[in-house]
Amino acid sequence: MQRTLSEHITFLEQRIESLKNQLQETDKWSSQQSEIKIDLSIAERALVHFRRAFEFEQKLKQRPSQ
C-alpha cells in the first residue's frame, strides 16, 4: 500500500503512542516488554527519518523550477 510521507508520519506517531501504552500495562512479561521496547525504538527512529524526508520534500517544493 502506498502512503504519503505525511500518512507515514501519522501512522508512526500513532504506533509509538500505542507501544508506549502497552509498556505501561503491568501484566506484560519481561520478554514482551523487551520486544515492545525494540519495536518502540525502531518506530521512533523511523519517525525521525520520515520527518526529515518530509522536510526535504517541502524544501524541494519551494525551489523555483528551472
N, C-alpha and C. Protein backbone atom coordinates (compact mmCIF):
# COMPACT_ATOMS: atom_id res chain seq x y z
N MET A 1 0.84 -1.18 0.00
CA MET A 1 0.00 0.00 0.00
C MET A 1 0.88 1.24 0.00
N GLN A 2 0.58 2.17 -0.86
CA GLN A 2 1.35 3.40 -0.96
C GLN A 2 0.78 4.44 0.00
N ARG A 3 1.65 5.05 0.76
CA ARG A 3 1.27 6.14 1.67
C ARG A 3 2.12 7.35 1.37
N THR A 4 1.56 8.51 1.62
CA THR A 4 2.37 9.73 1.52
C THR A 4 3.27 9.80 2.74
N LEU A 5 4.27 10.65 2.68
CA LEU A 5 5.15 10.84 3.85
C LEU A 5 4.34 11.29 5.06
N SER A 6 3.40 12.19 4.82
CA SER A 6 2.56 12.68 5.90
C SER A 6 1.75 11.54 6.54
N GLU A 7 1.24 10.64 5.73
CA GLU A 7 0.49 9.50 6.25
C GLU A 7 1.39 8.56 7.04
N HIS A 8 2.62 8.36 6.56
CA HIS A 8 3.58 7.53 7.29
C HIS A 8 3.88 8.15 8.66
N ILE A 9 4.06 9.44 8.68
CA ILE A 9 4.36 10.14 9.93
C ILE A 9 3.21 9.96 10.92
N THR A 10 2.00 10.16 10.45
CA THR A 10 0.83 10.00 11.32
C THR A 10 0.73 8.57 11.84
N PHE A 11 0.94 7.60 10.94
CA PHE A 11 0.90 6.19 11.34
C PHE A 11 1.94 5.89 12.41
N LEU A 12 3.17 6.37 12.20
CA LEU A 12 4.24 6.11 13.17
C LEU A 12 3.96 6.78 14.50
N GLU A 13 3.44 8.00 14.48
CA GLU A 13 3.11 8.69 15.73
C GLU A 13 2.06 7.90 16.52
N GLN A 14 1.06 7.38 15.82
CA GLN A 14 0.02 6.58 16.47
C GLN A 14 0.59 5.26 16.99
N ARG A 15 1.46 4.65 16.21
CA ARG A 15 2.08 3.39 16.62
C ARG A 15 2.95 3.58 17.86
N ILE A 16 3.69 4.67 17.90
CA ILE A 16 4.53 4.97 19.06
C ILE A 16 3.68 5.15 20.31
N GLU A 17 2.59 5.87 20.19
CA GLU A 17 1.70 6.06 21.34
C GLU A 17 1.13 4.72 21.81
N SER A 18 0.75 3.88 20.86
CA SER A 18 0.22 2.56 21.19
C SER A 18 1.27 1.71 21.92
N LEU A 19 2.49 1.74 21.43
CA LEU A 19 3.56 0.96 22.08
C LEU A 19 3.86 1.49 23.48
N LYS A 20 3.84 2.81 23.64
CA LYS A 20 4.07 3.39 24.97
C LYS A 20 2.97 2.96 25.94
N ASN A 21 1.74 2.91 25.44
CA ASN A 21 0.63 2.47 26.28
C ASN A 21 0.79 1.00 26.67
N GLN A 22 1.24 0.19 25.73
CA GLN A 22 1.46 -1.22 26.01
C GLN A 22 2.53 -1.41 27.08
N LEU A 23 3.55 -0.57 27.05
CA LEU A 23 4.62 -0.67 28.05
C LEU A 23 4.12 -0.35 29.45
N GLN A 24 3.12 0.50 29.53
CA GLN A 24 2.60 0.91 30.84
C GLN A 24 1.72 -0.16 31.47
N GLU A 25 1.27 -1.12 30.67
CA GLU A 25 0.45 -2.19 31.22
C GLU A 25 1.30 -3.05 32.14
N THR A 26 0.76 -3.37 33.28
CA THR A 26 1.54 -4.10 34.29
C THR A 26 1.58 -5.60 34.06
N ASP A 27 0.70 -6.14 33.23
CA ASP A 27 0.64 -7.60 33.07
C ASP A 27 1.53 -8.13 31.95
N LYS A 28 2.39 -7.29 31.42
CA LYS A 28 3.30 -7.74 30.36
C LYS A 28 4.50 -8.47 30.97
N TRP A 29 4.89 -9.54 30.35
CA TRP A 29 6.08 -10.28 30.78
C TRP A 29 7.31 -9.53 30.32
N SER A 30 8.41 -9.79 30.96
CA SER A 30 9.63 -9.07 30.61
C SER A 30 10.05 -9.31 29.16
N SER A 31 9.85 -10.51 28.63
CA SER A 31 10.19 -10.76 27.23
C SER A 31 9.28 -9.96 26.31
N GLN A 32 8.02 -9.82 26.70
CA GLN A 32 7.10 -8.99 25.91
C GLN A 32 7.51 -7.53 25.99
N GLN A 33 7.91 -7.10 27.18
CA GLN A 33 8.35 -5.71 27.35
C GLN A 33 9.58 -5.43 26.50
N SER A 34 10.49 -6.37 26.44
CA SER A 34 11.70 -6.20 25.63
C SER A 34 11.34 -6.06 24.16
N GLU A 35 10.43 -6.87 23.70
CA GLU A 35 10.01 -6.81 22.29
C GLU A 35 9.32 -5.48 22.00
N ILE A 36 8.48 -5.02 22.91
CA ILE A 36 7.80 -3.74 22.74
C ILE A 36 8.81 -2.60 22.72
N LYS A 37 9.81 -2.66 23.60
CA LYS A 37 10.84 -1.62 23.64
C LYS A 37 11.63 -1.57 22.34
N ILE A 38 11.92 -2.73 21.78
CA ILE A 38 12.63 -2.79 20.50
C ILE A 38 11.77 -2.17 19.40
N ASP A 39 10.50 -2.57 19.35
CA ASP A 39 9.59 -2.01 18.35
C ASP A 39 9.45 -0.50 18.51
N LEU A 40 9.38 -0.05 19.74
CA LEU A 40 9.26 1.38 20.02
C LEU A 40 10.49 2.13 19.53
N SER A 41 11.65 1.60 19.80
CA SER A 41 12.89 2.22 19.36
C SER A 41 12.95 2.30 17.83
N ILE A 42 12.58 1.24 17.17
CA ILE A 42 12.59 1.23 15.71
C ILE A 42 11.60 2.25 15.16
N ALA A 43 10.40 2.29 15.73
CA ALA A 43 9.38 3.23 15.27
C ALA A 43 9.82 4.67 15.49
N GLU A 44 10.46 4.94 16.62
CA GLU A 44 10.93 6.31 16.89
C GLU A 44 12.02 6.73 15.90
N ARG A 45 12.92 5.80 15.59
CA ARG A 45 13.98 6.11 14.62
C ARG A 45 13.40 6.31 13.22
N ALA A 46 12.43 5.48 12.86
CA ALA A 46 11.78 5.62 11.56
C ALA A 46 11.06 6.96 11.47
N LEU A 47 10.43 7.37 12.56
CA LEU A 47 9.72 8.65 12.57
C LEU A 47 10.68 9.81 12.31
N VAL A 48 11.85 9.76 12.90
CA VAL A 48 12.86 10.81 12.67
C VAL A 48 13.19 10.87 11.18
N HIS A 49 13.40 9.72 10.56
CA HIS A 49 13.76 9.69 9.14
C HIS A 49 12.62 10.20 8.25
N PHE A 50 11.39 9.78 8.56
CA PHE A 50 10.26 10.23 7.76
C PHE A 50 10.04 11.74 7.92
N ARG A 51 10.23 12.26 9.11
CA ARG A 51 10.09 13.71 9.30
C ARG A 51 11.16 14.46 8.50
N ARG A 52 12.37 13.95 8.51
CA ARG A 52 13.44 14.59 7.72
C ARG A 52 13.13 14.53 6.23
N ALA A 53 12.63 13.40 5.79
CA ALA A 53 12.26 13.26 4.38
C ALA A 53 11.13 14.23 4.02
N PHE A 54 10.18 14.38 4.91
CA PHE A 54 9.07 15.30 4.67
C PHE A 54 9.57 16.74 4.59
N GLU A 55 10.47 17.11 5.50
CA GLU A 55 11.05 18.45 5.47
C GLU A 55 11.81 18.69 4.16
N PHE A 56 12.57 17.68 3.73
CA PHE A 56 13.31 17.79 2.48
C PHE A 56 12.35 17.94 1.29
N GLU A 57 11.28 17.16 1.31
CA GLU A 57 10.28 17.25 0.25
C GLU A 57 9.68 18.66 0.19
N GLN A 58 9.41 19.24 1.35
CA GLN A 58 8.85 20.59 1.39
C GLN A 58 9.83 21.61 0.83
N LYS A 59 11.11 21.45 1.13
CA LYS A 59 12.13 22.36 0.59
C LYS A 59 12.19 22.26 -0.93
N LEU A 60 12.10 21.03 -1.45
CA LEU A 60 12.13 20.85 -2.89
C LEU A 60 10.94 21.52 -3.57
N LYS A 61 9.80 21.46 -2.93
CA LYS A 61 8.60 22.08 -3.50
C LYS A 61 8.72 23.61 -3.53
N GLN A 62 9.52 24.17 -2.62
CA GLN A 62 9.66 25.61 -2.53
C GLN A 62 10.67 26.15 -3.54
N ARG A 63 11.50 25.30 -4.07
CA ARG A 63 12.52 25.74 -5.03
C ARG A 63 11.85 26.13 -6.34
N PRO A 64 12.35 27.20 -6.95
CA PRO A 64 11.80 27.58 -8.25
C PRO A 64 12.18 26.55 -9.33
N SER A 65 11.28 26.32 -10.26
CA SER A 65 11.58 25.38 -11.36
C SER A 65 12.61 25.98 -12.28
N GLN A 66 13.40 25.11 -12.87
CA GLN A 66 14.44 25.60 -13.77
C GLN A 66 14.05 25.37 -15.19
